[in-house]
Amino acid sequence: MTSDDSPAPAICSAKGCRLPAAWSVVWNNPKLHTPDRRKVWLACEEHRQHLADFLDVRGFLIEVEPFRPGAAQD
């Protein structure tokens, strides 16, 4: 929380990016996680495809959905 008790803004997970999150990139590494485990990277509009492609080429991508503030993020 920030000093005024408002939640911190959700920002893109791309390295060095400080833009607001617009997408949830949902993934799972089957070598590390149980099948029901869902990990989430947040993405701005600019980095959505890059992050999804990075995970997809490794077979980790589950889905990309619009970011919903307040939804559980792991």
N, C-alpha and C. Protein backbone atom coordinates (compact mmCIF):
# COMPACT_ATOMS: atom_id res chain seq x y z
N MET A 1 0.84 -1.19 0.00
CA MET A 1 0.00 0.00 0.00
C MET A 1 0.88 1.25 0.00
N THR A 2 0.34 2.29 -0.58
CA THR A 2 1.05 3.56 -0.56
C THR A 2 0.71 4.29 0.74
N SER A 3 1.35 5.40 0.98
CA SER A 3 1.16 6.12 2.23
C SER A 3 -0.28 6.62 2.42
N ASP A 4 -1.03 6.76 1.34
CA ASP A 4 -2.42 7.20 1.48
C ASP A 4 -3.39 6.02 1.53
N ASP A 5 -2.87 4.81 1.71
CA ASP A 5 -3.66 3.58 1.83
C ASP A 5 -4.40 3.17 0.57
N SER A 6 -4.13 3.81 -0.56
CA SER A 6 -4.72 3.34 -1.81
C SER A 6 -3.82 2.25 -2.37
N PRO A 7 -4.40 1.26 -3.06
CA PRO A 7 -3.56 0.18 -3.59
C PRO A 7 -2.57 0.71 -4.62
N ALA A 8 -1.40 0.08 -4.65
CA ALA A 8 -0.40 0.46 -5.65
C ALA A 8 -0.93 0.09 -7.03
N PRO A 9 -0.65 0.88 -8.03
CA PRO A 9 -1.14 0.56 -9.37
C PRO A 9 -0.49 -0.72 -9.89
N ALA A 10 -1.25 -1.51 -10.60
CA ALA A 10 -0.71 -2.73 -11.22
C ALA A 10 0.07 -2.31 -12.45
N ILE A 11 1.34 -2.74 -12.52
CA ILE A 11 2.19 -2.36 -13.64
C ILE A 11 2.62 -3.58 -14.43
N CYS A 12 3.04 -3.35 -15.63
CA CYS A 12 3.50 -4.38 -16.55
C CYS A 12 4.69 -5.14 -15.96
N SER A 13 4.72 -6.46 -16.20
CA SER A 13 5.80 -7.32 -15.70
C SER A 13 7.05 -7.31 -16.58
N ALA A 14 6.97 -6.69 -17.76
CA ALA A 14 8.13 -6.64 -18.64
C ALA A 14 9.26 -5.86 -17.98
N LYS A 15 10.48 -6.36 -18.13
CA LYS A 15 11.64 -5.74 -17.49
C LYS A 15 11.74 -4.25 -17.85
N GLY A 16 11.79 -3.42 -16.81
CA GLY A 16 11.97 -2.00 -16.99
C GLY A 16 10.71 -1.22 -17.35
N CYS A 17 9.61 -1.89 -17.60
CA CYS A 17 8.38 -1.20 -17.99
C CYS A 17 7.64 -0.72 -16.74
N ARG A 18 7.13 0.48 -16.80
CA ARG A 18 6.37 1.05 -15.68
C ARG A 18 4.95 1.43 -16.11
N LEU A 19 4.51 0.93 -17.26
CA LEU A 19 3.17 1.26 -17.76
C LEU A 19 2.11 0.46 -17.01
N PRO A 20 0.89 0.97 -16.95
CA PRO A 20 -0.18 0.25 -16.27
C PRO A 20 -0.51 -1.07 -16.98
N ALA A 21 -0.89 -2.05 -16.18
CA ALA A 21 -1.27 -3.36 -16.73
C ALA A 21 -2.64 -3.27 -17.40
N ALA A 22 -2.74 -3.91 -18.55
CA ALA A 22 -4.01 -4.00 -19.26
C ALA A 22 -4.40 -5.46 -19.50
N TRP A 23 -3.43 -6.37 -19.38
CA TRP A 23 -3.63 -7.79 -19.68
C TRP A 23 -3.04 -8.68 -18.59
N SER A 24 -3.66 -9.82 -18.39
CA SER A 24 -3.13 -10.89 -17.54
C SER A 24 -2.66 -12.00 -18.46
N VAL A 25 -1.39 -12.33 -18.39
CA VAL A 25 -0.81 -13.41 -19.18
C VAL A 25 -0.68 -14.60 -18.21
N VAL A 26 -1.54 -15.58 -18.39
CA VAL A 26 -1.66 -16.70 -17.46
C VAL A 26 -0.81 -17.87 -17.96
N TRP A 27 -0.02 -18.43 -17.05
CA TRP A 27 0.91 -19.49 -17.46
C TRP A 27 1.14 -20.48 -16.33
N ASN A 28 1.81 -21.57 -16.69
CA ASN A 28 2.15 -22.63 -15.75
C ASN A 28 3.35 -23.39 -16.32
N ASN A 29 4.36 -23.62 -15.48
CA ASN A 29 5.50 -24.44 -15.87
C ASN A 29 5.23 -25.85 -15.34
N PRO A 30 4.88 -26.79 -16.20
CA PRO A 30 4.50 -28.13 -15.74
C PRO A 30 5.63 -28.89 -15.03
N LYS A 31 6.88 -28.47 -15.22
CA LYS A 31 7.99 -29.12 -14.51
C LYS A 31 8.08 -28.66 -13.06
N LEU A 32 7.49 -27.51 -12.75
CA LEU A 32 7.57 -26.95 -11.41
C LEU A 32 6.23 -26.88 -10.68
N HIS A 33 5.14 -26.74 -11.43
CA HIS A 33 3.84 -26.47 -10.83
C HIS A 33 2.85 -27.60 -11.07
N THR A 34 1.93 -27.78 -10.13
CA THR A 34 0.84 -28.73 -10.34
C THR A 34 -0.05 -28.22 -11.46
N PRO A 35 -0.78 -29.10 -12.14
CA PRO A 35 -1.60 -28.67 -13.28
C PRO A 35 -2.62 -27.57 -12.97
N ASP A 36 -3.09 -27.51 -11.74
CA ASP A 36 -4.10 -26.50 -11.41
C ASP A 36 -3.49 -25.15 -11.03
N ARG A 37 -2.20 -25.07 -10.89
CA ARG A 37 -1.52 -23.81 -10.52
C ARG A 37 -1.53 -22.85 -11.69
N ARG A 38 -1.86 -21.60 -11.42
CA ARG A 38 -1.86 -20.56 -12.45
C ARG A 38 -0.98 -19.42 -11.98
N LYS A 39 0.05 -19.12 -12.75
CA LYS A 39 0.92 -17.97 -12.51
C LYS A 39 0.44 -16.86 -13.45
N VAL A 40 0.65 -15.62 -13.05
CA VAL A 40 0.17 -14.50 -13.87
C VAL A 40 1.26 -13.45 -13.99
N TRP A 41 1.54 -13.06 -15.22
CA TRP A 41 2.34 -11.88 -15.49
C TRP A 41 1.38 -10.82 -15.97
N LEU A 42 1.57 -9.60 -15.53
CA LEU A 42 0.75 -8.50 -16.02
C LEU A 42 1.46 -7.85 -17.20
N ALA A 43 0.68 -7.38 -18.15
CA ALA A 43 1.27 -6.80 -19.36
C ALA A 43 0.53 -5.53 -19.77
N CYS A 44 1.30 -4.56 -20.22
CA CYS A 44 0.71 -3.38 -20.85
C CYS A 44 0.39 -3.78 -22.30
N GLU A 45 -0.27 -2.87 -22.99
CA GLU A 45 -0.63 -3.15 -24.39
C GLU A 45 0.62 -3.44 -25.23
N GLU A 46 1.69 -2.68 -25.01
CA GLU A 46 2.92 -2.81 -25.80
C GLU A 46 3.61 -4.16 -25.60
N HIS A 47 3.59 -4.71 -24.39
CA HIS A 47 4.34 -5.94 -24.09
C HIS A 47 3.50 -7.22 -24.06
N ARG A 48 2.21 -7.12 -24.26
CA ARG A 48 1.33 -8.30 -24.20
C ARG A 48 1.81 -9.41 -25.12
N GLN A 49 2.03 -9.11 -26.37
CA GLN A 49 2.41 -10.14 -27.33
C GLN A 49 3.79 -10.71 -27.03
N HIS A 50 4.73 -9.86 -26.67
CA HIS A 50 6.09 -10.33 -26.36
C HIS A 50 6.09 -11.31 -25.19
N LEU A 51 5.40 -10.96 -24.11
CA LEU A 51 5.36 -11.86 -22.95
C LEU A 51 4.63 -13.16 -23.28
N ALA A 52 3.52 -13.07 -24.01
CA ALA A 52 2.78 -14.27 -24.41
C ALA A 52 3.63 -15.16 -25.31
N ASP A 53 4.33 -14.58 -26.26
CA ASP A 53 5.19 -15.36 -27.16
C ASP A 53 6.32 -16.05 -26.39
N PHE A 54 6.93 -15.33 -25.44
CA PHE A 54 8.01 -15.88 -24.62
C PHE A 54 7.53 -17.15 -23.90
N LEU A 55 6.35 -17.09 -23.31
CA LEU A 55 5.81 -18.25 -22.59
C LEU A 55 5.33 -19.34 -23.54
N ASP A 56 4.72 -18.94 -24.65
CA ASP A 56 4.16 -19.92 -25.59
C ASP A 56 5.25 -20.79 -26.21
N VAL A 57 6.38 -20.21 -26.58
CA VAL A 57 7.47 -20.96 -27.20
C VAL A 57 8.02 -22.03 -26.23
N ARG A 58 7.85 -21.82 -24.94
CA ARG A 58 8.30 -22.77 -23.92
C ARG A 58 7.20 -23.75 -23.51
N GLY A 59 6.01 -23.57 -24.07
CA GLY A 59 4.88 -24.44 -23.74
C GLY A 59 4.23 -24.11 -22.40
N PHE A 60 4.43 -22.89 -21.90
CA PHE A 60 3.91 -22.50 -20.60
C PHE A 60 2.61 -21.70 -20.67
N LEU A 61 2.33 -21.07 -21.80
CA LEU A 61 1.19 -20.16 -21.91
C LEU A 61 -0.13 -20.91 -21.80
N ILE A 62 -1.02 -20.40 -20.95
CA ILE A 62 -2.36 -20.94 -20.82
C ILE A 62 -3.35 -20.04 -21.55
N GLU A 63 -3.34 -18.75 -21.21
CA GLU A 63 -4.25 -17.81 -21.87
C GLU A 63 -3.82 -16.38 -21.59
N VAL A 64 -4.37 -15.47 -22.38
CA VAL A 64 -4.19 -14.04 -22.18
C VAL A 64 -5.59 -13.46 -22.06
N GLU A 65 -5.83 -12.73 -20.97
CA GLU A 65 -7.15 -12.17 -20.74
C GLU A 65 -7.02 -10.74 -20.25
N PRO A 66 -8.05 -9.94 -20.41
CA PRO A 66 -7.98 -8.57 -19.90
C PRO A 66 -7.72 -8.57 -18.40
N PHE A 67 -6.87 -7.66 -17.96
CA PHE A 67 -6.56 -7.54 -16.53
C PHE A 67 -7.77 -7.00 -15.79
N ARG A 68 -8.10 -7.65 -14.69
CA ARG A 68 -9.21 -7.21 -13.84
C ARG A 68 -8.62 -6.84 -12.47
N PRO A 69 -8.48 -5.56 -12.17
CA PRO A 69 -7.96 -5.18 -10.85
C PRO A 69 -8.78 -5.82 -9.75
N GLY A 70 -8.10 -6.28 -8.74
CA GLY A 70 -8.78 -6.93 -7.61
C GLY A 70 -8.87 -8.43 -7.77
N ALA A 71 -8.68 -8.97 -8.97
CA ALA A 71 -8.67 -10.42 -9.18
C ALA A 71 -7.38 -10.97 -8.60
N ALA A 72 -7.41 -12.19 -8.12
CA ALA A 72 -6.22 -12.81 -7.53
C ALA A 72 -5.11 -12.90 -8.57
N GLN A 73 -3.91 -12.47 -8.20
CA GLN A 73 -2.73 -12.56 -9.05
C GLN A 73 -1.70 -13.40 -8.33
N ASP A 74 -1.03 -14.31 -9.03
CA ASP A 74 -0.01 -15.15 -8.40
C ASP A 74 1.32 -14.91 -9.05
